Amino acid sequence: MNKINYKKEILENICYTDLVYGRINKKLNLALSKDQIEKMILTIIKETDEIEFHKKGKNIYINNMDRNIRLTINSFTNRIITAAKING
């Protein structure tokens, strides 16, 4: 996958595991439903500029500085791995 296409590819193919919802709620100190988490993740990806998408190894890291959130996505499966606060 070419760097230029990361955002489009992820938006079209993102997927989730059952465990990731709990992980995201825990890491971000939230209590959101599965639907709310998916909506939040899509919003973060859409509003993050392509230059903030960085591939390292098998993962793509998306840094949204406005929300202070980093998303980690598997570049082969487009599966969200986790979300974490950048500043803290």
PDB file of N, CA and C in Angstrom:
ATOM      1  N   MET A   1       0.858  -1.169   0.000  1.00  0.00           N
ATOM      2  CA  MET A   1       0.000   0.000   0.000  1.00  0.00           C
ATOM      3  C   MET A   1       0.905   1.233   0.000  1.00  0.00           C
ATOM      4  N   ASN A   2       0.702   2.115  -0.925  1.00  0.00           N
ATOM      5  CA  ASN A   2       1.470   3.345  -1.054  1.00  0.00           C
ATOM      6  C   ASN A   2       1.027   4.342   0.008  1.00  0.00           C
ATOM      7  N   LYS A   3       1.976   5.096   0.562  1.00  0.00           N
ATOM      8  CA  LYS A   3       1.673   6.060   1.622  1.00  0.00           C
ATOM      9  C   LYS A   3       0.534   6.996   1.241  1.00  0.00           C
ATOM     10  N   ILE A   4       0.485   7.408  -0.007  1.00  0.00           N
ATOM     11  CA  ILE A   4      -0.539   8.329  -0.472  1.00  0.00           C
ATOM     12  C   ILE A   4      -1.940   7.747  -0.270  1.00  0.00           C
ATOM     13  N   ASN A   5      -2.048   6.434  -0.278  1.00  0.00           N
ATOM     14  CA  ASN A   5      -3.353   5.787  -0.198  1.00  0.00           C
ATOM     15  C   ASN A   5      -3.735   5.303   1.192  1.00  0.00           C
ATOM     16  N   TYR A   6      -2.917   5.535   2.204  1.00  0.00           N
ATOM     17  CA  TYR A   6      -3.226   5.012   3.537  1.00  0.00           C
ATOM     18  C   TYR A   6      -4.605   5.432   4.010  1.00  0.00           C
ATOM     19  N   LYS A   7      -4.889   6.707   3.951  1.00  0.00           N
ATOM     20  CA  LYS A   7      -6.146   7.223   4.493  1.00  0.00           C
ATOM     21  C   LYS A   7      -7.346   6.607   3.772  1.00  0.00           C
ATOM     22  N   LYS A   8      -7.325   6.642   2.465  1.00  0.00           N
ATOM     23  CA  LYS A   8      -8.431   6.094   1.670  1.00  0.00           C
ATOM     24  C   LYS A   8      -8.608   4.601   1.927  1.00  0.00           C
ATOM     25  N   GLU A   9      -7.503   3.876   1.920  1.00  0.00           N
ATOM     26  CA  GLU A   9      -7.531   2.427   2.134  1.00  0.00           C
ATOM     27  C   GLU A   9      -8.104   2.087   3.508  1.00  0.00           C
ATOM     28  N   ILE A  10      -7.665   2.802   4.526  1.00  0.00           N
ATOM     29  CA  ILE A  10      -8.147   2.540   5.884  1.00  0.00           C
ATOM     30  C   ILE A  10      -9.633   2.869   5.996  1.00  0.00           C
ATOM     31  N   LEU A  11     -10.040   4.019   5.475  1.00  0.00           N
ATOM     32  CA  LEU A  11     -11.453   4.406   5.563  1.00  0.00           C
ATOM     33  C   LEU A  11     -12.368   3.396   4.874  1.00  0.00           C
ATOM     34  N   GLU A  12     -11.906   2.819   3.792  1.00  0.00           N
ATOM     35  CA  GLU A  12     -12.723   1.857   3.043  1.00  0.00           C
ATOM     36  C   GLU A  12     -12.736   0.465   3.673  1.00  0.00           C
ATOM     37  N   ASN A  13     -11.689   0.124   4.439  1.00  0.00           N
ATOM     38  CA  ASN A  13     -11.539  -1.260   4.880  1.00  0.00           C
ATOM     39  C   ASN A  13     -11.338  -1.457   6.367  1.00  0.00           C
ATOM     40  N   ILE A  14     -11.476  -0.423   7.167  1.00  0.00           N
ATOM     41  CA  ILE A  14     -11.206  -0.556   8.602  1.00  0.00           C
ATOM     42  C   ILE A  14     -12.102  -1.629   9.216  1.00  0.00           C
ATOM     43  N   CYS A  15     -11.524  -2.389  10.140  1.00  0.00           N
ATOM     44  CA  CYS A  15     -12.300  -3.402  10.847  1.00  0.00           C
ATOM     45  C   CYS A  15     -11.869  -3.443  12.305  1.00  0.00           C
ATOM     46  N   TYR A  16     -12.675  -4.086  13.119  1.00  0.00           N
ATOM     47  CA  TYR A  16     -12.500  -4.084  14.562  1.00  0.00           C
ATOM     48  C   TYR A  16     -12.623  -5.509  15.091  1.00  0.00           C
ATOM     49  N   THR A  17     -11.944  -5.792  16.198  1.00  0.00           N
ATOM     50  CA  THR A  17     -12.154  -7.042  16.914  1.00  0.00           C
ATOM     51  C   THR A  17     -13.010  -6.724  18.139  1.00  0.00           C
ATOM     52  N   ASP A  18     -13.598  -7.731  18.727  1.00  0.00           N
ATOM     53  CA  ASP A  18     -14.411  -7.511  19.925  1.00  0.00           C
ATOM     54  C   ASP A  18     -13.571  -6.938  21.070  1.00  0.00           C
ATOM     55  N   LEU A  19     -12.328  -7.360  21.179  1.00  0.00           N
ATOM     56  CA  LEU A  19     -11.471  -6.913  22.273  1.00  0.00           C
ATOM     57  C   LEU A  19     -11.040  -5.454  22.159  1.00  0.00           C
ATOM     58  N   VAL A  20     -10.978  -4.940  20.944  1.00  0.00           N
ATOM     59  CA  VAL A  20     -10.448  -3.585  20.757  1.00  0.00           C
ATOM     60  C   VAL A  20     -11.361  -2.511  21.357  1.00  0.00           C
ATOM     61  N   TYR A  21     -12.650  -2.757  21.405  1.00  0.00           N
ATOM     62  CA  TYR A  21     -13.570  -1.756  21.968  1.00  0.00           C
ATOM     63  C   TYR A  21     -13.238  -1.495  23.440  1.00  0.00           C
ATOM     64  N   GLY A  22     -13.045  -2.558  24.192  1.00  0.00           N
ATOM     65  CA  GLY A  22     -12.673  -2.424  25.597  1.00  0.00           C
ATOM     66  C   GLY A  22     -11.312  -1.773  25.761  1.00  0.00           C
ATOM     67  N   ARG A  23     -10.375  -2.128  24.883  1.00  0.00           N
ATOM     68  CA  ARG A  23      -9.029  -1.556  24.944  1.00  0.00           C
ATOM     69  C   ARG A  23      -9.073  -0.048  24.700  1.00  0.00           C
ATOM     70  N   ILE A  24      -9.857   0.381  23.707  1.00  0.00           N
ATOM     71  CA  ILE A  24      -9.957   1.809  23.392  1.00  0.00           C
ATOM     72  C   ILE A  24     -10.599   2.560  24.549  1.00  0.00           C
ATOM     73  N   ASN A  25     -11.686   2.023  25.086  1.00  0.00           N
ATOM     74  CA  ASN A  25     -12.335   2.674  26.234  1.00  0.00           C
ATOM     75  C   ASN A  25     -11.361   2.805  27.399  1.00  0.00           C
ATOM     76  N   LYS A  26     -10.587   1.754  27.658  1.00  0.00           N
ATOM     77  CA  LYS A  26      -9.654   1.780  28.785  1.00  0.00           C
ATOM     78  C   LYS A  26      -8.524   2.783  28.550  1.00  0.00           C
ATOM     79  N   LYS A  27      -7.906   2.732  27.372  1.00  0.00           N
ATOM     80  CA  LYS A  27      -6.775   3.611  27.071  1.00  0.00           C
ATOM     81  C   LYS A  27      -7.158   5.085  27.052  1.00  0.00           C
ATOM     82  N   LEU A  28      -8.380   5.379  26.580  1.00  0.00           N
ATOM     83  CA  LEU A  28      -8.816   6.778  26.484  1.00  0.00           C
ATOM     84  C   LEU A  28      -9.684   7.194  27.662  1.00  0.00           C
ATOM     85  N   ASN A  29      -9.870   6.276  28.616  1.00  0.00           N
ATOM     86  CA  ASN A  29     -10.678   6.543  29.812  1.00  0.00           C
ATOM     87  C   ASN A  29     -12.098   6.985  29.425  1.00  0.00           C
ATOM     88  N   LEU A  30     -12.730   6.167  28.568  1.00  0.00           N
ATOM     89  CA  LEU A  30     -14.082   6.439  28.077  1.00  0.00           C
ATOM     90  C   LEU A  30     -15.005   5.281  28.438  1.00  0.00           C
ATOM     91  N   ALA A  31     -16.283   5.462  28.152  1.00  0.00           N
ATOM     92  CA  ALA A  31     -17.276   4.397  28.333  1.00  0.00           C
ATOM     93  C   ALA A  31     -18.242   4.456  27.155  1.00  0.00           C
ATOM     94  N   LEU A  32     -17.703   4.275  25.960  1.00  0.00           N
ATOM     95  CA  LEU A  32     -18.513   4.386  24.747  1.00  0.00           C
ATOM     96  C   LEU A  32     -18.984   3.019  24.264  1.00  0.00           C
ATOM     97  N   SER A  33     -20.093   3.023  23.531  1.00  0.00           N
ATOM     98  CA  SER A  33     -20.596   1.799  22.905  1.00  0.00           C
ATOM     99  C   SER A  33     -19.746   1.485  21.675  1.00  0.00           C
ATOM    100  N   LYS A  34     -19.927   0.303  21.114  1.00  0.00           N
ATOM    101  CA  LYS A  34     -19.206  -0.083  19.903  1.00  0.00           C
ATOM    102  C   LYS A  34     -19.474   0.912  18.775  1.00  0.00           C
ATOM    103  N   ASP A  35     -20.744   1.278  18.584  1.00  0.00           N
ATOM    104  CA  ASP A  35     -21.100   2.228  17.525  1.00  0.00           C
ATOM    105  C   ASP A  35     -20.449   3.586  17.748  1.00  0.00           C
ATOM    106  N   GLN A  36     -20.433   4.041  18.990  1.00  0.00           N
ATOM    107  CA  GLN A  36     -19.820   5.333  19.300  1.00  0.00           C
ATOM    108  C   GLN A  36     -18.313   5.310  19.057  1.00  0.00           C
ATOM    109  N   ILE A  37     -17.676   4.210  19.398  1.00  0.00           N
ATOM    110  CA  ILE A  37     -16.234   4.073  19.158  1.00  0.00           C
ATOM    111  C   ILE A  37     -15.951   4.084  17.663  1.00  0.00           C
ATOM    112  N   GLU A  38     -16.718   3.327  16.889  1.00  0.00           N
ATOM    113  CA  GLU A  38     -16.498   3.284  15.444  1.00  0.00           C
ATOM    114  C   GLU A  38     -16.692   4.655  14.818  1.00  0.00           C
ATOM    115  N   LYS A  39     -17.703   5.372  15.248  1.00  0.00           N
ATOM    116  CA  LYS A  39     -17.956   6.718  14.728  1.00  0.00           C
ATOM    117  C   LYS A  39     -16.800   7.651  15.095  1.00  0.00           C
ATOM    118  N   MET A  40     -16.321   7.570  16.333  1.00  0.00           N
ATOM    119  CA  MET A  40     -15.213   8.403  16.779  1.00  0.00           C
ATOM    120  C   MET A  40     -13.945   8.107  15.966  1.00  0.00           C
ATOM    121  N   ILE A  41     -13.645   6.830  15.765  1.00  0.00           N
ATOM    122  CA  ILE A  41     -12.440   6.445  15.024  1.00  0.00           C
ATOM    123  C   ILE A  41     -12.518   6.949  13.584  1.00  0.00           C
ATOM    124  N   LEU A  42     -13.666   6.779  12.936  1.00  0.00           N
ATOM    125  CA  LEU A  42     -13.815   7.265  11.564  1.00  0.00           C
ATOM    126  C   LEU A  42     -13.672   8.775  11.490  1.00  0.00           C
ATOM    127  N   THR A  43     -14.235   9.482  12.458  1.00  0.00           N
ATOM    128  CA  THR A  43     -14.119  10.937  12.502  1.00  0.00           C
ATOM    129  C   THR A  43     -12.658  11.348  12.656  1.00  0.00           C
ATOM    130  N   ILE A  44     -11.944  10.694  13.547  1.00  0.00           N
ATOM    131  CA  ILE A  44     -10.525  11.010  13.757  1.00  0.00           C
ATOM    132  C   ILE A  44      -9.734  10.781  12.477  1.00  0.00           C
ATOM    133  N   ILE A  45      -9.972   9.667  11.815  1.00  0.00           N
ATOM    134  CA  ILE A  45      -9.245   9.364  10.571  1.00  0.00           C
ATOM    135  C   ILE A  45      -9.570  10.399   9.505  1.00  0.00           C
ATOM    136  N   LYS A  46     -10.850  10.719   9.334  1.00  0.00           N
ATOM    137  CA  LYS A  46     -11.261  11.683   8.308  1.00  0.00           C
ATOM    138  C   LYS A  46     -10.666  13.063   8.534  1.00  0.00           C
ATOM    139  N   GLU A  47     -10.610  13.507   9.780  1.00  0.00           N
ATOM    140  CA  GLU A  47     -10.146  14.872  10.047  1.00  0.00           C
ATOM    141  C   GLU A  47      -8.622  14.978  10.186  1.00  0.00           C
ATOM    142  N   THR A  48      -7.919  13.849  10.163  1.00  0.00           N
ATOM    143  CA  THR A  48      -6.461  13.872  10.278  1.00  0.00           C
ATOM    144  C   THR A  48      -5.832  13.973   8.895  1.00  0.00           C
ATOM    145  N   ASP A  49      -4.923  14.914   8.744  1.00  0.00           N
ATOM    146  CA  ASP A  49      -4.228  15.119   7.480  1.00  0.00           C
ATOM    147  C   ASP A  49      -3.356  13.911   7.150  1.00  0.00           C
ATOM    148  N   GLU A  50      -3.268  13.607   5.880  1.00  0.00           N
ATOM    149  CA  GLU A  50      -2.505  12.449   5.398  1.00  0.00           C
ATOM    150  C   GLU A  50      -1.045  12.470   5.855  1.00  0.00           C
ATOM    151  N   ILE A  51      -0.474  13.633   6.083  1.00  0.00           N
ATOM    152  CA  ILE A  51       0.935  13.685   6.511  1.00  0.00           C
ATOM    153  C   ILE A  51       1.127  13.141   7.929  1.00  0.00           C
ATOM    154  N   GLU A  52       0.043  12.959   8.655  1.00  0.00           N
ATOM    155  CA  GLU A  52       0.106  12.409  10.011  1.00  0.00           C
ATOM    156  C   GLU A  52      -0.074  10.886  10.046  1.00  0.00           C
ATOM    157  N   PHE A  53      -0.058  10.253   8.887  1.00  0.00           N
ATOM    158  CA  PHE A  53      -0.141   8.799   8.772  1.00  0.00           C
ATOM    159  C   PHE A  53       1.286   8.286   8.571  1.00  0.00           C
ATOM    160  N   HIS A  54       1.781   7.469   9.497  1.00  0.00           N
ATOM    161  CA  HIS A  54       3.157   6.986   9.437  1.00  0.00           C
ATOM    162  C   HIS A  54       3.175   5.466   9.548  1.00  0.00           C
ATOM    163  N   LYS A  55       3.821   4.829   8.569  1.00  0.00           N
ATOM    164  CA  LYS A  55       3.941   3.374   8.603  1.00  0.00           C
ATOM    165  C   LYS A  55       5.284   3.017   9.216  1.00  0.00           C
ATOM    166  N   LYS A  56       5.246   2.137  10.211  1.00  0.00           N
ATOM    167  CA  LYS A  56       6.462   1.627  10.829  1.00  0.00           C
ATOM    168  C   LYS A  56       6.249   0.138  11.047  1.00  0.00           C
ATOM    169  N   GLY A  57       7.037  -0.668  10.366  1.00  0.00           N
ATOM    170  CA  GLY A  57       6.842  -2.113  10.436  1.00  0.00           C
ATOM    171  C   GLY A  57       5.504  -2.471   9.821  1.00  0.00           C
ATOM    172  N   LYS A  58       4.727  -3.259  10.542  1.00  0.00           N
ATOM    173  CA  LYS A  58       3.432  -3.692  10.010  1.00  0.00           C
ATOM    174  C   LYS A  58       2.294  -2.743  10.374  1.00  0.00           C
ATOM    175  N   ASN A  59       2.575  -1.709  11.159  1.00  0.00           N
ATOM    176  CA  ASN A  59       1.514  -0.820  11.630  1.00  0.00           C
ATOM    177  C   ASN A  59       1.553   0.557  10.996  1.00  0.00           C
ATOM    178  N   ILE A  60       0.388   1.169  10.960  1.00  0.00           N
ATOM    179  CA  ILE A  60       0.248   2.567  10.558  1.00  0.00           C
ATOM    180  C   ILE A  60      -0.190   3.325  11.800  1.00  0.00           C
ATOM    181  N   TYR A  61       0.519   4.407  12.089  1.00  0.00           N
ATOM    182  CA  TYR A  61       0.200   5.250  13.239  1.00  0.00           C
ATOM    183  C   TYR A  61      -0.402   6.545  12.723  1.00  0.00           C
ATOM    184  N   ILE A  62      -1.546   6.899  13.246  1.00  0.00           N
ATOM    185  CA  ILE A  62      -2.247   8.119  12.850  1.00  0.00           C
ATOM    186  C   ILE A  62      -2.257   9.045  14.060  1.00  0.00           C
ATOM    187  N   ASN A  63      -1.583  10.173  13.925  1.00  0.00           N
ATOM    188  CA  ASN A  63      -1.479  11.127  15.029  1.00  0.00           C
ATOM    189  C   ASN A  63      -2.410  12.305  14.788  1.00  0.00           C
ATOM    190  N   ASN A  64      -3.412  12.430  15.641  1.00  0.00           N
ATOM    191  CA  ASN A  64      -4.325  13.568  15.567  1.00  0.00           C
ATOM    192  C   ASN A  64      -3.989  14.484  16.738  1.00  0.00           C
ATOM    193  N   MET A  65      -3.225  15.529  16.446  1.00  0.00           N
ATOM    194  CA  MET A  65      -2.740  16.427  17.492  1.00  0.00           C
ATOM    195  C   MET A  65      -3.870  17.266  18.094  1.00  0.00           C
ATOM    196  N   ASP A  66      -4.896  17.591  17.327  1.00  0.00           N
ATOM    197  CA  ASP A  66      -6.017  18.375  17.857  1.00  0.00           C
ATOM    198  C   ASP A  66      -6.735  17.632  18.980  1.00  0.00           C
ATOM    199  N   ARG A  67      -6.855  16.320  18.839  1.00  0.00           N
ATOM    200  CA  ARG A  67      -7.525  15.499  19.850  1.00  0.00           C
ATOM    201  C   ARG A  67      -6.546  14.808  20.803  1.00  0.00           C
ATOM    202  N   ASN A  68      -5.244  14.952  20.512  1.00  0.00           N
ATOM    203  CA  ASN A  68      -4.196  14.290  21.300  1.00  0.00           C
ATOM    204  C   ASN A  68      -4.390  12.778  21.351  1.00  0.00           C
ATOM    205  N   ILE A  69      -4.703  12.208  20.178  1.00  0.00           N
ATOM    206  CA  ILE A  69      -4.943  10.769  20.078  1.00  0.00           C
ATOM    207  C   ILE A  69      -4.078  10.183  18.967  1.00  0.00           C
ATOM    208  N   ARG A  70      -3.501   9.013  19.248  1.00  0.00           N
ATOM    209  CA  ARG A  70      -2.772   8.241  18.244  1.00  0.00           C
ATOM    210  C   ARG A  70      -3.507   6.928  18.028  1.00  0.00           C
ATOM    211  N   LEU A  71      -3.852   6.654  16.788  1.00  0.00           N
ATOM    212  CA  LEU A  71      -4.477   5.385  16.428  1.00  0.00           C
ATOM    213  C   LEU A  71      -3.401   4.470  15.864  1.00  0.00           C
ATOM    214  N   THR A  72      -3.483   3.200  16.192  1.00  0.00           N
ATOM    215  CA  THR A  72      -2.570   2.200  15.636  1.00  0.00           C
ATOM    216  C   THR A  72      -3.410   1.215  14.839  1.00  0.00           C
ATOM    217  N   ILE A  73      -3.041   1.052  13.565  1.00  0.00           N
ATOM    218  CA  ILE A  73      -3.800   0.198  12.655  1.00  0.00           C
ATOM    219  C   ILE A  73      -2.844  -0.760  11.955  1.00  0.00           C
ATOM    220  N   ASN A  74      -3.224  -2.030  11.869  1.00  0.00           N
ATOM    221  CA  ASN A  74      -2.434  -3.024  11.160  1.00  0.00           C
ATOM    222  C   ASN A  74      -2.514  -2.720   9.661  1.00  0.00           C
ATOM    223  N   SER A  75      -1.363  -2.553   9.027  1.00  0.00           N
ATOM    224  CA  SER A  75      -1.347  -2.148   7.616  1.00  0.00           C
ATOM    225  C   SER A  75      -1.763  -3.265   6.662  1.00  0.00           C
ATOM    226  N   PHE A  76      -1.704  -4.509   7.115  1.00  0.00           N
ATOM    227  CA  PHE A  76      -2.079  -5.625   6.243  1.00  0.00           C
ATOM    228  C   PHE A  76      -3.572  -5.911   6.285  1.00  0.00           C
ATOM    229  N   THR A  77      -4.188  -5.766   7.466  1.00  0.00           N
ATOM    230  CA  THR A  77      -5.601  -6.113   7.629  1.00  0.00           C
ATOM    231  C   THR A  77      -6.515  -4.899   7.792  1.00  0.00           C
ATOM    232  N   ASN A  78      -5.915  -3.703   7.980  1.00  0.00           N
ATOM    233  CA  ASN A  78      -6.672  -2.481   8.269  1.00  0.00           C
ATOM    234  C   ASN A  78      -7.496  -2.613   9.543  1.00  0.00           C
ATOM    235  N   ARG A  79      -7.034  -3.448  10.442  1.00  0.00           N
ATOM    236  CA  ARG A  79      -7.711  -3.652  11.723  1.00  0.00           C
ATOM    237  C   ARG A  79      -7.146  -2.685  12.748  1.00  0.00           C
ATOM    238  N   ILE A  80      -8.031  -1.976  13.436  1.00  0.00           N
ATOM    239  CA  ILE A  80      -7.570  -1.067  14.485  1.00  0.00           C
ATOM    240  C   ILE A  80      -7.041  -1.895  15.643  1.00  0.00           C
ATOM    241  N   ILE A  81      -5.860  -1.540  16.126  1.00  0.00           N
ATOM    242  CA  ILE A  81      -5.221  -2.254  17.211  1.00  0.00           C
ATOM    243  C   ILE A  81      -5.495  -1.554  18.540  1.00  0.00           C
ATOM    244  N   THR A  82      -5.303  -0.230  18.541  1.00  0.00           N
ATOM    245  CA  THR A  82      -5.537   0.528  19.763  1.00  0.00           C
ATOM    246  C   THR A  82      -5.622   2.011  19.463  1.00  0.00           C
ATOM    247  N   ALA A  83      -6.025   2.750  20.460  1.00  0.00           N
ATOM    248  CA  ALA A  83      -5.994   4.213  20.432  1.00  0.00           C
ATOM    249  C   ALA A  83      -5.388   4.625  21.772  1.00  0.00           C
ATOM    250  N   ALA A  84      -4.557   5.654  21.732  1.00  0.00           N
ATOM    251  CA  ALA A  84      -3.899   6.093  22.957  1.00  0.00           C
ATOM    252  C   ALA A  84      -3.787   7.614  22.976  1.00  0.00           C
ATOM    253  N   LYS A  85      -3.709   8.164  24.166  1.00  0.00           N
ATOM    254  CA  LYS A  85      -3.480   9.599  24.312  1.00  0.00           C
ATOM    255  C   LYS A  85      -2.032   9.884  23.974  1.00  0.00           C
ATOM    256  N   ILE A  86      -1.809  10.956  23.245  1.00  0.00           N
ATOM    257  CA  ILE A  86      -0.440  11.318  22.856  1.00  0.00           C
ATOM    258  C   ILE A  86       0.259  12.019  24.016  1.00  0.00           C
ATOM    259  N   ASN A  87      -0.435  12.915  24.674  1.00  0.00           N
ATOM    260  CA  ASN A  87       0.171  13.701  25.768  1.00  0.00           C
ATOM    261  C   ASN A  87      -0.271  13.174  27.126  1.00  0.00           C
ATOM    262  N   GLY A  88       0.209  12.005  27.469  1.00  0.00           N
ATOM    263  CA  GLY A  88      -0.117  11.514  28.802  1.00  0.00           C
ATOM    264  C   GLY A  88      -0.711  10.196  28.863  1.00  0.00           C
TER     265      GLY A  88
END
